[in-house]
Amino acid sequence: MRYRSRLSAEVKRIATAHMTELREKIDSLGQIASTLQTLIERCSGNDRPDCPILVDLKNTADRQED
């Protein structure tokens, strides 16, 4: 069995790298959720087209084109 030939230190290094990656993804998702929550709170939700959510999406798309 291959897993029995791995050193504990190697397994711990791999697990630590995975944990670091997961924490970075969690932090990133938290920032996205916070931004979206702010935009939701700023949007009046009426029939007018001046929604901050749409403005932010447009600005993001414009930045990605640059």
Protein backbone atom coordinates (compact mmCIF):
# COMPACT_ATOMS: atom_id res chain seq x y z
CA MET A 1 0.00 0.00 0.00
CA ARG A 2 1.45 3.30 -1.14
CA TYR A 3 0.14 5.41 1.73
CA ARG A 4 2.14 3.36 4.20
CA SER A 5 5.36 4.26 2.41
CA ARG A 6 4.86 8.02 2.88
CA LEU A 7 6.61 9.76 5.72
CA SER A 8 4.45 11.48 8.29
CA ALA A 9 6.26 14.74 7.58
CA GLU A 10 5.30 14.55 3.89
CA VAL A 11 1.67 13.84 4.72
CA LYS A 12 1.60 16.74 7.17
CA ARG A 13 3.19 19.06 4.56
CA ILE A 14 0.55 18.09 1.98
CA ALA A 15 -2.30 18.49 4.47
CA THR A 16 -0.95 21.87 5.60
CA ALA A 17 -0.74 23.06 1.98
CA HIS A 18 -4.35 21.98 1.43
CA MET A 19 -5.44 23.79 4.60
CA THR A 20 -3.67 26.97 3.49
CA GLU A 21 -5.40 26.79 0.11
CA LEU A 22 -8.80 26.21 1.73
CA ARG A 23 -8.35 29.16 4.11
CA GLU A 24 -7.41 31.41 1.17
CA LYS A 25 -10.54 30.32 -0.71
CA ILE A 26 -12.69 30.87 2.39
CA ASP A 27 -11.22 34.37 2.82
CA SER A 28 -11.83 35.17 -0.84
CA LEU A 29 -15.44 33.95 -0.67
CA GLY A 30 -15.95 35.98 2.51
CA GLN A 31 -14.77 39.12 0.70
CA ILE A 32 -17.06 38.39 -2.24
CA ALA A 33 -20.01 37.80 0.09
CA SER A 34 -19.29 41.05 1.94
CA THR A 35 -19.15 43.03 -1.31
CA LEU A 36 -22.35 41.46 -2.57
CA GLN A 37 -24.12 42.16 0.73
CA THR A 38 -23.07 45.81 0.54
CA LEU A 39 -24.34 46.08 -3.03
CA ILE A 40 -27.64 44.42 -2.07
CA GLU A 41 -28.10 46.91 0.77
CA ARG A 42 -27.37 49.86 -1.55
CA CYS A 43 -29.78 48.67 -4.25
CA SER A 44 -33.26 50.15 -3.91
CA GLY A 45 -34.81 47.24 -5.77
CA ASN A 46 -37.20 49.44 -7.73
CA ASP A 47 -37.82 49.72 -11.49
CA ARG A 48 -35.01 52.23 -12.07
CA PRO A 49 -31.93 51.08 -13.98
CA ASP A 50 -29.41 52.81 -11.68
CA CYS A 51 -28.72 49.77 -9.55
CA PRO A 52 -25.31 49.63 -7.80
CA ILE A 53 -25.16 45.88 -8.48
CA LEU A 54 -25.34 46.51 -12.23
CA VAL A 55 -22.84 49.37 -12.02
CA ASP A 56 -20.37 47.15 -10.15
CA LEU A 57 -20.81 44.31 -12.66
CA LYS A 58 -20.16 46.72 -15.53
CA ASN A 59 -17.07 48.16 -13.83
CA THR A 60 -15.74 44.66 -13.19
CA ALA A 61 -16.32 43.68 -16.84
CA ASP A 62 -14.59 46.87 -18.01
CA ARG A 63 -11.56 46.14 -15.80
CA GLN A 64 -11.31 42.59 -17.16
CA GLU A 65 -11.21 43.91 -20.73
CA ASP A 66 -8.18 46.13 -19.98
